[in-house]
Amino acid sequence: MARLGAFLKSAFGRPKPDGEALAQVKAWCRAALPEASYAVNEIACTDPGCPGIETVILVMEPGRKTRAVKVQKPLDEVSEQDVREAFKA
């Protein structure tokens, strides 16, 4: 597993997002929409219209299709306001 982490860092040029930042973004998600479950990931987007690194939040609500909410920033830079605005869109 350590090799995979080293590969991902070298392949994408970024270290794995901070665990505290991940926990904070999940907490903001739960505060915004408490009845849902979340998966939060940072991805490298190669599409020319993307910012390069973005945070994708999968929102899983009972009885509804899973939806993806995107914040066009690396996970470590996402703020509570970013999460609130993404959920409004």
N, C-alpha and C. Protein backbone atom coordinates (compact mmCIF):
# COMPACT_ATOMS: atom_id res chain seq x y z
N MET A 1 0.84 -1.20 0.00
CA MET A 1 0.00 0.00 0.00
C MET A 1 0.87 1.25 0.00
N ALA A 2 2.01 1.19 0.68
CA ALA A 2 2.90 2.36 0.72
C ALA A 2 3.38 2.71 -0.68
N ARG A 3 3.62 1.69 -1.50
CA ARG A 3 4.06 1.95 -2.86
C ARG A 3 2.99 2.66 -3.66
N LEU A 4 1.74 2.27 -3.45
CA LEU A 4 0.64 2.92 -4.17
C LEU A 4 0.58 4.39 -3.81
N GLY A 5 0.73 4.71 -2.54
CA GLY A 5 0.72 6.11 -2.11
C GLY A 5 1.84 6.91 -2.76
N ALA A 6 3.02 6.31 -2.82
CA ALA A 6 4.15 6.98 -3.46
C ALA A 6 3.89 7.16 -4.95
N PHE A 7 3.28 6.14 -5.58
CA PHE A 7 2.94 6.25 -7.00
C PHE A 7 1.95 7.38 -7.22
N LEU A 8 0.90 7.42 -6.41
CA LEU A 8 -0.11 8.46 -6.59
C LEU A 8 0.48 9.85 -6.40
N LYS A 9 1.35 10.01 -5.41
CA LYS A 9 1.97 11.31 -5.19
C LYS A 9 2.83 11.69 -6.39
N SER A 10 3.61 10.76 -6.89
CA SER A 10 4.48 11.10 -8.01
C SER A 10 3.67 11.23 -9.30
N ALA A 11 2.63 10.43 -9.46
CA ALA A 11 1.83 10.47 -10.69
C ALA A 11 1.06 11.77 -10.81
N PHE A 12 0.57 12.28 -9.71
CA PHE A 12 -0.26 13.48 -9.76
C PHE A 12 0.43 14.70 -9.16
N GLY A 13 1.61 14.52 -8.59
CA GLY A 13 2.37 15.65 -8.09
C GLY A 13 1.84 16.26 -6.80
N ARG A 14 0.90 15.59 -6.15
CA ARG A 14 0.33 16.13 -4.90
C ARG A 14 0.31 15.03 -3.85
N PRO A 15 0.57 15.40 -2.61
CA PRO A 15 0.45 14.41 -1.54
C PRO A 15 -1.02 14.13 -1.26
N LYS A 16 -1.28 13.06 -0.55
CA LYS A 16 -2.63 12.70 -0.13
C LYS A 16 -3.18 13.85 0.73
N PRO A 17 -4.47 14.20 0.57
CA PRO A 17 -5.05 15.29 1.37
C PRO A 17 -4.94 15.02 2.87
N ASP A 18 -4.84 16.08 3.64
CA ASP A 18 -4.74 16.01 5.08
C ASP A 18 -6.00 15.37 5.68
N GLY A 19 -5.81 14.43 6.59
CA GLY A 19 -6.92 13.74 7.23
C GLY A 19 -7.83 14.68 8.02
N GLU A 20 -7.25 15.68 8.63
CA GLU A 20 -8.06 16.65 9.39
C GLU A 20 -8.93 17.48 8.45
N ALA A 21 -8.39 17.85 7.31
CA ALA A 21 -9.17 18.61 6.32
C ALA A 21 -10.33 17.76 5.81
N LEU A 22 -10.08 16.49 5.58
CA LEU A 22 -11.13 15.57 5.12
C LEU A 22 -12.24 15.46 6.16
N ALA A 23 -11.85 15.28 7.42
CA ALA A 23 -12.84 15.19 8.50
C ALA A 23 -13.64 16.48 8.63
N GLN A 24 -12.99 17.62 8.46
CA GLN A 24 -13.68 18.91 8.58
C GLN A 24 -14.70 19.08 7.45
N VAL A 25 -14.32 18.73 6.22
CA VAL A 25 -15.25 18.86 5.09
C VAL A 25 -16.45 17.94 5.31
N LYS A 26 -16.23 16.72 5.79
CA LYS A 26 -17.34 15.81 6.07
C LYS A 26 -18.26 16.38 7.16
N ALA A 27 -17.68 17.00 8.17
CA ALA A 27 -18.48 17.61 9.24
C ALA A 27 -19.34 18.74 8.69
N TRP A 28 -18.79 19.56 7.78
CA TRP A 28 -19.56 20.63 7.18
C TRP A 28 -20.70 20.06 6.32
N CYS A 29 -20.44 18.95 5.65
CA CYS A 29 -21.48 18.29 4.85
C CYS A 29 -22.62 17.82 5.76
N ARG A 30 -22.27 17.16 6.85
CA ARG A 30 -23.29 16.67 7.79
C ARG A 30 -24.10 17.82 8.38
N ALA A 31 -23.45 18.94 8.65
CA ALA A 31 -24.16 20.10 9.19
C ALA A 31 -25.13 20.67 8.15
N ALA A 32 -24.73 20.64 6.89
CA ALA A 32 -25.57 21.20 5.83
C ALA A 32 -26.75 20.29 5.48
N LEU A 33 -26.54 18.98 5.53
CA LEU A 33 -27.56 18.01 5.14
C LEU A 33 -27.40 16.77 6.02
N PRO A 34 -27.93 16.82 7.26
CA PRO A 34 -27.64 15.76 8.25
C PRO A 34 -28.20 14.38 7.91
N GLU A 35 -29.24 14.29 7.12
CA GLU A 35 -29.86 12.99 6.85
C GLU A 35 -29.14 12.18 5.77
N ALA A 36 -28.11 12.73 5.18
CA ALA A 36 -27.39 12.06 4.09
C ALA A 36 -26.07 11.45 4.58
N SER A 37 -25.52 10.59 3.75
CA SER A 37 -24.17 10.05 3.95
C SER A 37 -23.29 10.65 2.85
N TYR A 38 -21.99 10.67 3.10
CA TYR A 38 -21.08 11.35 2.18
C TYR A 38 -19.83 10.54 1.90
N ALA A 39 -19.31 10.73 0.72
CA ALA A 39 -17.96 10.29 0.35
C ALA A 39 -17.28 11.52 -0.22
N VAL A 40 -16.12 11.86 0.31
CA VAL A 40 -15.41 13.06 -0.11
C VAL A 40 -14.06 12.64 -0.69
N ASN A 41 -13.79 13.08 -1.92
CA ASN A 41 -12.54 12.71 -2.58
C ASN A 41 -11.97 13.91 -3.33
N GLU A 42 -10.67 13.92 -3.42
CA GLU A 42 -9.98 14.91 -4.24
C GLU A 42 -9.55 14.19 -5.51
N ILE A 43 -9.85 14.79 -6.66
CA ILE A 43 -9.47 14.15 -7.92
C ILE A 43 -8.70 15.12 -8.81
N ALA A 44 -7.90 14.54 -9.68
CA ALA A 44 -7.19 15.32 -10.69
C ALA A 44 -8.04 15.27 -11.95
N CYS A 45 -8.53 16.40 -12.38
CA CYS A 45 -9.37 16.48 -13.57
C CYS A 45 -8.50 16.94 -14.74
N THR A 46 -8.49 16.16 -15.80
CA THR A 46 -7.66 16.49 -16.96
C THR A 46 -8.43 17.23 -18.05
N ASP A 47 -9.71 17.44 -17.86
CA ASP A 47 -10.52 18.18 -18.83
C ASP A 47 -10.04 19.63 -18.86
N PRO A 48 -9.92 20.24 -20.05
CA PRO A 48 -9.43 21.63 -20.12
C PRO A 48 -10.28 22.64 -19.34
N GLY A 49 -11.56 22.34 -19.10
CA GLY A 49 -12.43 23.25 -18.36
C GLY A 49 -12.33 23.11 -16.85
N CYS A 50 -11.58 22.13 -16.38
CA CYS A 50 -11.44 21.89 -14.94
C CYS A 50 -10.28 22.69 -14.36
N PRO A 51 -10.32 22.90 -13.04
CA PRO A 51 -9.24 23.64 -12.40
C PRO A 51 -7.98 22.82 -12.18
N GLY A 52 -8.00 21.55 -12.52
CA GLY A 52 -6.85 20.67 -12.30
C GLY A 52 -7.13 19.72 -11.16
N ILE A 53 -7.21 20.23 -9.95
CA ILE A 53 -7.55 19.43 -8.77
C ILE A 53 -8.87 19.96 -8.24
N GLU A 54 -9.82 19.04 -8.01
CA GLU A 54 -11.10 19.46 -7.44
C GLU A 54 -11.55 18.47 -6.39
N THR A 55 -12.44 18.91 -5.53
CA THR A 55 -13.01 18.07 -4.49
C THR A 55 -14.40 17.66 -4.93
N VAL A 56 -14.65 16.36 -4.89
CA VAL A 56 -15.95 15.83 -5.27
C VAL A 56 -16.59 15.21 -4.04
N ILE A 57 -17.82 15.63 -3.76
CA ILE A 57 -18.58 15.13 -2.62
C ILE A 57 -19.76 14.34 -3.17
N LEU A 58 -19.79 13.03 -2.88
CA LEU A 58 -20.94 12.22 -3.26
C LEU A 58 -21.95 12.30 -2.13
N VAL A 59 -23.18 12.70 -2.46
CA VAL A 59 -24.24 12.86 -1.48
C VAL A 59 -25.21 11.70 -1.67
N MET A 60 -25.37 10.90 -0.62
CA MET A 60 -26.24 9.73 -0.67
C MET A 60 -27.37 9.91 0.33
N GLU A 61 -28.56 10.22 -0.21
CA GLU A 61 -29.73 10.45 0.63
C GLU A 61 -30.68 9.28 0.50
N PRO A 62 -31.33 8.87 1.58
CA PRO A 62 -32.28 7.76 1.51
C PRO A 62 -33.38 8.03 0.48
N GLY A 63 -33.62 7.06 -0.39
CA GLY A 63 -34.69 7.17 -1.38
C GLY A 63 -34.38 8.04 -2.59
N ARG A 64 -33.15 8.54 -2.70
CA ARG A 64 -32.77 9.38 -3.84
C ARG A 64 -31.53 8.84 -4.51
N LYS A 65 -31.33 9.22 -5.78
CA LYS A 65 -30.12 8.84 -6.48
C LYS A 65 -28.92 9.58 -5.87
N THR A 66 -27.79 8.91 -5.87
CA THR A 66 -26.56 9.54 -5.41
C THR A 66 -26.20 10.67 -6.37
N ARG A 67 -25.80 11.80 -5.82
CA ARG A 67 -25.41 12.92 -6.68
C ARG A 67 -24.01 13.39 -6.30
N ALA A 68 -23.34 13.97 -7.26
CA ALA A 68 -21.99 14.49 -7.04
C ALA A 68 -22.04 16.00 -6.96
N VAL A 69 -21.42 16.53 -5.94
CA VAL A 69 -21.29 17.97 -5.74
C VAL A 69 -19.80 18.28 -5.84
N LYS A 70 -19.45 19.28 -6.63
CA LYS A 70 -18.03 19.58 -6.85
C LYS A 70 -17.65 20.95 -6.32
N VAL A 71 -16.47 21.01 -5.74
CA VAL A 71 -15.85 22.27 -5.32
C VAL A 71 -14.54 22.33 -6.11
N GLN A 72 -14.38 23.36 -6.88
CA GLN A 72 -13.23 23.43 -7.77
C GLN A 72 -11.98 23.95 -7.06
N LYS A 73 -11.60 23.20 -6.03
CA LYS A 73 -10.41 23.50 -5.23
C LYS A 73 -9.86 22.19 -4.69
N PRO A 74 -8.59 22.15 -4.35
CA PRO A 74 -8.07 20.99 -3.62
C PRO A 74 -8.76 20.88 -2.26
N LEU A 75 -8.88 19.68 -1.76
CA LEU A 75 -9.58 19.42 -0.50
C LEU A 75 -9.05 20.27 0.64
N ASP A 76 -7.74 20.45 0.72
CA ASP A 76 -7.14 21.22 1.81
C ASP A 76 -7.52 22.70 1.78
N GLU A 77 -8.06 23.18 0.67
CA GLU A 77 -8.42 24.60 0.53
C GLU A 77 -9.92 24.84 0.63
N VAL A 78 -10.72 23.78 0.75
CA VAL A 78 -12.18 23.92 0.80
C VAL A 78 -12.58 24.55 2.13
N SER A 79 -13.51 25.51 2.07
CA SER A 79 -14.02 26.17 3.27
C SER A 79 -15.47 25.75 3.51
N GLU A 80 -15.97 26.09 4.68
CA GLU A 80 -17.37 25.80 5.00
C GLU A 80 -18.29 26.52 4.01
N GLN A 81 -17.95 27.74 3.64
CA GLN A 81 -18.75 28.50 2.67
C GLN A 81 -18.76 27.79 1.31
N ASP A 82 -17.63 27.22 0.90
CA ASP A 82 -17.57 26.48 -0.36
C ASP A 82 -18.56 25.31 -0.34
N VAL A 83 -18.62 24.59 0.77
CA VAL A 83 -19.53 23.45 0.90
C VAL A 83 -20.97 23.92 0.83
N ARG A 84 -21.29 24.97 1.55
CA ARG A 84 -22.67 25.50 1.53
C ARG A 84 -23.09 25.93 0.13
N GLU A 85 -22.20 26.63 -0.57
CA GLU A 85 -22.51 27.09 -1.94
C GLU A 85 -22.66 25.91 -2.89
N ALA A 86 -21.83 24.90 -2.74
CA ALA A 86 -21.92 23.73 -3.61
C ALA A 86 -23.24 23.00 -3.40
N PHE A 87 -23.70 22.94 -2.17
CA PHE A 87 -24.96 22.25 -1.87
C PHE A 87 -26.16 23.04 -2.39
N LYS A 88 -26.05 24.35 -2.49
CA LYS A 88 -27.15 25.17 -3.03
C LYS A 88 -27.31 24.97 -4.53
N ALA A 89 -26.21 24.73 -5.21
CA ALA A 89 -26.24 24.62 -6.68
C ALA A 89 -26.97 23.37 -7.15
